PDB file of N, CA and C in Angstrom:
ATOM      1  N   MET A   1    -151.593 -83.299 125.201  1.00  0.00           N
ATOM      2  CA  MET A   1    -152.207 -83.465 123.903  1.00  0.00           C
ATOM      3  C   MET A   1    -151.219 -83.103 122.795  1.00  0.00           C
ATOM      4  N   CYS A   2    -150.405 -82.091 123.062  1.00  0.00           N
ATOM      5  CA  CYS A   2    -149.415 -81.702 122.047  1.00  0.00           C
ATOM      6  C   CYS A   2    -148.405 -82.818 121.820  1.00  0.00           C
ATOM      7  N   ALA A   3    -147.972 -83.483 122.887  1.00  0.00           N
ATOM      8  CA  ALA A   3    -147.000 -84.566 122.739  1.00  0.00           C
ATOM      9  C   ALA A   3    -147.592 -85.726 121.936  1.00  0.00           C
ATOM     10  N   ILE A   4    -148.858 -86.033 122.170  1.00  0.00           N
ATOM     11  CA  ILE A   4    -149.517 -87.113 121.427  1.00  0.00           C
ATOM     12  C   ILE A   4    -149.641 -86.735 119.951  1.00  0.00           C
ATOM     13  N   ALA A   5    -150.054 -85.491 119.691  1.00  0.00           N
ATOM     14  CA  ALA A   5    -150.162 -85.031 118.308  1.00  0.00           C
ATOM     15  C   ALA A   5    -148.793 -85.028 117.634  1.00  0.00           C
ATOM     16  N   TRP A   6    -147.761 -84.663 118.391  1.00  0.00           N
ATOM     17  CA  TRP A   6    -146.395 -84.652 117.873  1.00  0.00           C
ATOM     18  C   TRP A   6    -146.001 -86.026 117.336  1.00  0.00           C
ATOM     19  N   VAL A   7    -146.322 -87.063 118.120  1.00  0.00           N
ATOM     20  CA  VAL A   7    -145.980 -88.430 117.719  1.00  0.00           C
ATOM     21  C   VAL A   7    -146.843 -88.872 116.544  1.00  0.00           C
ATOM     22  N   MET A   8    -148.119 -88.589 116.603  1.00  0.00           N
ATOM     23  CA  MET A   8    -149.017 -89.036 115.541  1.00  0.00           C
ATOM     24  C   MET A   8    -148.721 -88.367 114.203  1.00  0.00           C
ATOM     25  N   LEU A   9    -148.336 -87.095 114.242  1.00  0.00           N
ATOM     26  CA  LEU A   9    -148.045 -86.369 113.007  1.00  0.00           C
ATOM     27  C   LEU A   9    -146.601 -86.542 112.559  1.00  0.00           C
ATOM     28  N   GLN A  10    -145.794 -87.199 113.376  1.00  0.00           N
ATOM     29  CA  GLN A  10    -144.383 -87.469 113.092  1.00  0.00           C
ATOM     30  C   GLN A  10    -143.626 -86.195 112.732  1.00  0.00           C
ATOM     31  N   LEU A  11    -143.763 -85.185 113.589  1.00  0.00           N
ATOM     32  CA  LEU A  11    -143.055 -83.924 113.394  1.00  0.00           C
ATOM     33  C   LEU A  11    -141.626 -84.076 113.891  1.00  0.00           C
ATOM     34  N   HIS A  12    -140.674 -83.458 113.201  1.00  0.00           N
ATOM     35  CA  HIS A  12    -139.269 -83.657 113.546  1.00  0.00           C
ATOM     36  C   HIS A  12    -138.475 -82.368 113.690  1.00  0.00           C
ATOM     37  N   PHE A  13    -139.116 -81.175 113.680  1.00  0.00           N
ATOM     38  CA  PHE A  13    -138.325 -79.951 113.751  1.00  0.00           C
ATOM     39  C   PHE A  13    -137.916 -79.594 115.175  1.00  0.00           C
ATOM     40  N   LEU A  14    -138.488 -80.214 116.191  1.00  0.00           N
ATOM     41  CA  LEU A  14    -138.034 -80.130 117.581  1.00  0.00           C
ATOM     42  C   LEU A  14    -137.967 -81.551 118.117  1.00  0.00           C
ATOM     43  N   PRO A  15    -136.999 -81.839 118.970  1.00  0.00           N
ATOM     44  CA  PRO A  15    -136.922 -83.196 119.527  1.00  0.00           C
ATOM     45  C   PRO A  15    -138.160 -83.518 120.367  1.00  0.00           C
ATOM     46  N   LEU A  16    -138.617 -84.752 120.286  1.00  0.00           N
ATOM     47  CA  LEU A  16    -139.785 -85.185 121.045  1.00  0.00           C
ATOM     48  C   LEU A  16    -139.546 -85.041 122.539  1.00  0.00           C
ATOM     49  N   LEU A  17    -138.326 -85.273 122.991  1.00  0.00           N
ATOM     50  CA  LEU A  17    -138.012 -85.158 124.417  1.00  0.00           C
ATOM     51  C   LEU A  17    -138.320 -83.757 124.936  1.00  0.00           C
ATOM     52  N   PHE A  18    -138.009 -82.740 124.142  1.00  0.00           N
ATOM     53  CA  PHE A  18    -138.321 -81.361 124.523  1.00  0.00           C
ATOM     54  C   PHE A  18    -139.820 -81.173 124.716  1.00  0.00           C
ATOM     55  N   VAL A  19    -140.609 -81.680 123.800  1.00  0.00           N
ATOM     56  CA  VAL A  19    -142.073 -81.548 123.871  1.00  0.00           C
ATOM     57  C   VAL A  19    -142.618 -82.275 125.102  1.00  0.00           C
ATOM     58  N   VAL A  20    -142.086 -83.456 125.387  1.00  0.00           N
ATOM     59  CA  VAL A  20    -142.546 -84.235 126.545  1.00  0.00           C
ATOM     60  C   VAL A  20    -142.172 -83.527 127.847  1.00  0.00           C
ATOM     61  N   ILE A  21    -140.978 -82.961 127.913  1.00  0.00           N
ATOM     62  CA  ILE A  21    -140.560 -82.241 129.120  1.00  0.00           C
ATOM     63  C   ILE A  21    -141.440 -81.019 129.352  1.00  0.00           C
ATOM     64  N   VAL A  22    -141.720 -80.266 128.308  1.00  0.00           N
ATOM     65  CA  VAL A  22    -142.592 -79.094 128.440  1.00  0.00           C
ATOM     66  C   VAL A  22    -143.991 -79.514 128.883  1.00  0.00           C
ATOM     67  N   ALA A  23    -144.516 -80.586 128.315  1.00  0.00           N
ATOM     68  CA  ALA A  23    -145.834 -81.086 128.716  1.00  0.00           C
ATOM     69  C   ALA A  23    -145.817 -81.518 130.177  1.00  0.00           C
ATOM     70  N   GLY A  24    -144.744 -82.154 130.614  1.00  0.00           N
ATOM     71  CA  GLY A  24    -144.622 -82.557 132.020  1.00  0.00           C
ATOM     72  C   GLY A  24    -144.576 -81.376 132.954  1.00  0.00           C
ATOM     73  N   ILE A  25    -143.872 -80.331 132.567  1.00  0.00           N
ATOM     74  CA  ILE A  25    -143.801 -79.125 133.404  1.00  0.00           C
ATOM     75  C   ILE A  25    -145.183 -78.493 133.545  1.00  0.00           C
ATOM     76  N   PHE A  26    -145.899 -78.378 132.435  1.00  0.00           N
ATOM     77  CA  PHE A  26    -147.246 -77.808 132.505  1.00  0.00           C
ATOM     78  C   PHE A  26    -148.177 -78.670 133.358  1.00  0.00           C
ATOM     79  N   THR A  27    -148.051 -79.979 133.273  1.00  0.00           N
ATOM     80  CA  THR A  27    -148.869 -80.882 134.085  1.00  0.00           C
ATOM     81  C   THR A  27    -148.547 -80.706 135.562  1.00  0.00           C
ATOM     82  N   PHE A  28    -147.270 -80.612 135.900  1.00  0.00           N
ATOM     83  CA  PHE A  28    -146.840 -80.426 137.285  1.00  0.00           C
ATOM     84  C   PHE A  28    -147.365 -79.107 137.850  1.00  0.00           C
ATOM     85  N   VAL A  29    -147.227 -78.024 137.091  1.00  0.00           N
ATOM     86  CA  VAL A  29    -147.705 -76.710 137.546  1.00  0.00           C
ATOM     87  C   VAL A  29    -149.224 -76.728 137.707  1.00  0.00           C
ATOM     88  N   SER A  30    -149.921 -77.354 136.792  1.00  0.00           N
ATOM     89  CA  SER A  30    -151.375 -77.457 136.888  1.00  0.00           C
ATOM     90  C   SER A  30    -151.789 -78.221 138.144  1.00  0.00           C
ATOM     91  N   GLY A  31    -151.083 -79.297 138.454  1.00  0.00           N
ATOM     92  CA  GLY A  31    -151.370 -80.061 139.669  1.00  0.00           C
ATOM     93  C   GLY A  31    -151.175 -79.231 140.921  1.00  0.00           C
ATOM     94  N   ILE A  32    -150.114 -78.435 140.969  1.00  0.00           N
ATOM     95  CA  ILE A  32    -149.868 -77.572 142.120  1.00  0.00           C
ATOM     96  C   ILE A  32    -150.992 -76.550 142.266  1.00  0.00           C
ATOM     97  N   VAL A  33    -151.427 -75.973 141.152  1.00  0.00           N
ATOM     98  CA  VAL A  33    -152.510 -74.987 141.190  1.00  0.00           C
ATOM     99  C   VAL A  33    -153.799 -75.631 141.707  1.00  0.00           C
ATOM    100  N   TYR A  34    -154.109 -76.850 141.259  1.00  0.00           N
ATOM    101  CA  TYR A  34    -155.314 -77.545 141.721  1.00  0.00           C
ATOM    102  C   TYR A  34    -155.245 -77.837 143.217  1.00  0.00           C
ATOM    103  N   VAL A  35    -154.101 -78.279 143.704  1.00  0.00           N
ATOM    104  CA  VAL A  35    -153.957 -78.569 145.133  1.00  0.00           C
ATOM    105  C   VAL A  35    -154.091 -77.292 145.949  1.00  0.00           C
ATOM    106  N   MET A  36    -153.448 -76.219 145.515  1.00  0.00           N
ATOM    107  CA  MET A  36    -153.545 -74.953 146.244  1.00  0.00           C
ATOM    108  C   MET A  36    -154.986 -74.442 146.270  1.00  0.00           C
ATOM    109  N   ASP A  37    -155.690 -74.576 145.164  1.00  0.00           N
ATOM    110  CA  ASP A  37    -157.083 -74.143 145.110  1.00  0.00           C
ATOM    111  C   ASP A  37    -157.951 -75.002 146.029  1.00  0.00           C
ATOM    112  N   GLY A  38    -157.701 -76.297 146.054  1.00  0.00           N
ATOM    113  CA  GLY A  38    -158.457 -77.185 146.941  1.00  0.00           C
ATOM    114  C   GLY A  38    -158.230 -76.856 148.403  1.00  0.00           C
ATOM    115  N   VAL A  39    -156.998 -76.589 148.774  1.00  0.00           N
ATOM    116  CA  VAL A  39    -156.688 -76.214 150.162  1.00  0.00           C
ATOM    117  C   VAL A  39    -157.370 -74.895 150.506  1.00  0.00           C
ATOM    118  N   ARG A  40    -157.331 -73.953 149.584  1.00  0.00           N
ATOM    119  CA  ARG A  40    -157.979 -72.661 149.820  1.00  0.00           C
ATOM    120  C   ARG A  40    -159.482 -72.835 150.036  1.00  0.00           C
ATOM    121  N   GLN A  41    -160.111 -73.691 149.232  1.00  0.00           N
ATOM    122  CA  GLN A  41    -161.544 -73.924 149.378  1.00  0.00           C
ATOM    123  C   GLN A  41    -161.862 -74.597 150.704  1.00  0.00           C
ATOM    124  N   LEU A  42    -161.038 -75.557 151.101  1.00  0.00           N
ATOM    125  CA  LEU A  42    -161.270 -76.214 152.387  1.00  0.00           C
ATOM    126  C   LEU A  42    -161.127 -75.243 153.538  1.00  0.00           C
ATOM    127  N   GLN A  43    -160.140 -74.375 153.480  1.00  0.00           N
ATOM    128  CA  GLN A  43    -159.950 -73.401 154.544  1.00  0.00           C
ATOM    129  C   GLN A  43    -161.095 -72.401 154.583  1.00  0.00           C
ATOM    130  N   ALA A  44    -161.617 -72.012 153.427  1.00  0.00           N
ATOM    131  CA  ALA A  44    -162.717 -71.059 153.371  1.00  0.00           C
ATOM    132  C   ALA A  44    -163.985 -71.644 153.983  1.00  0.00           C
ATOM    133  N   GLU A  45    -164.180 -72.935 153.865  1.00  0.00           N
ATOM    134  CA  GLU A  45    -165.367 -73.589 154.407  1.00  0.00           C
ATOM    135  C   GLU A  45    -165.168 -74.038 155.850  1.00  0.00           C
ATOM    136  N   GLY A  46    -163.964 -73.904 156.386  1.00  0.00           N
ATOM    137  CA  GLY A  46    -163.702 -74.284 157.754  1.00  0.00           C
ATOM    138  C   GLY A  46    -163.455 -75.765 157.932  1.00  0.00           C
ATOM    139  N   HIS A  47    -163.142 -76.502 156.871  1.00  0.00           N
ATOM    140  CA  HIS A  47    -162.917 -77.940 156.946  1.00  0.00           C
ATOM    141  C   HIS A  47    -161.440 -78.304 157.026  1.00  0.00           C
ATOM    142  N   ALA A  48    -160.571 -77.318 157.080  1.00  0.00           N
ATOM    143  CA  ALA A  48    -159.147 -77.602 157.032  1.00  0.00           C
ATOM    144  C   ALA A  48    -158.643 -78.195 158.355  1.00  0.00           C
ATOM    145  N   HIS A  49    -159.298 -77.868 159.437  1.00  0.00           N
ATOM    146  CA  HIS A  49    -158.854 -78.342 160.755  1.00  0.00           C
ATOM    147  C   HIS A  49    -159.955 -79.196 161.371  1.00  0.00           C
ATOM    148  N   ALA A  50    -159.654 -80.444 161.629  1.00  0.00           N
ATOM    149  CA  ALA A  50    -160.638 -81.348 162.229  1.00  0.00           C
ATOM    150  C   ALA A  50    -160.843 -80.987 163.692  1.00  0.00           C
ATOM    151  N   LYS A  51    -162.095 -81.056 164.112  1.00  0.00           N
ATOM    152  CA  LYS A  51    -162.418 -80.777 165.511  1.00  0.00           C
ATOM    153  C   LYS A  51    -162.582 -82.085 166.256  1.00  0.00           C
ATOM    154  N   ARG A  52    -162.032 -82.132 167.440  1.00  0.00           N
ATOM    155  CA  ARG A  52    -162.193 -83.319 168.274  1.00  0.00           C
ATOM    156  C   ARG A  52    -163.363 -83.106 169.219  1.00  0.00           C
ATOM    157  N   ASP A  53    -164.208 -84.112 169.311  1.00  0.00           N
ATOM    158  CA  ASP A  53    -165.373 -84.012 170.197  1.00  0.00           C
ATOM    159  C   ASP A  53    -165.108 -84.675 171.521  1.00  0.00           C
TER     160      ASP A  53
END
């Protein structure tokens, strides 16, 4: 959202590339946190390992 606002407001005191890279890093870290939380929830419910019948 910050990168979009940066472009719309035409701010120039920091390069846009810097803002986009920071936004990408936060998105990447957030994705890792979501995946780790999902794996933790699956393991807590016992769904992490499929059982063969």
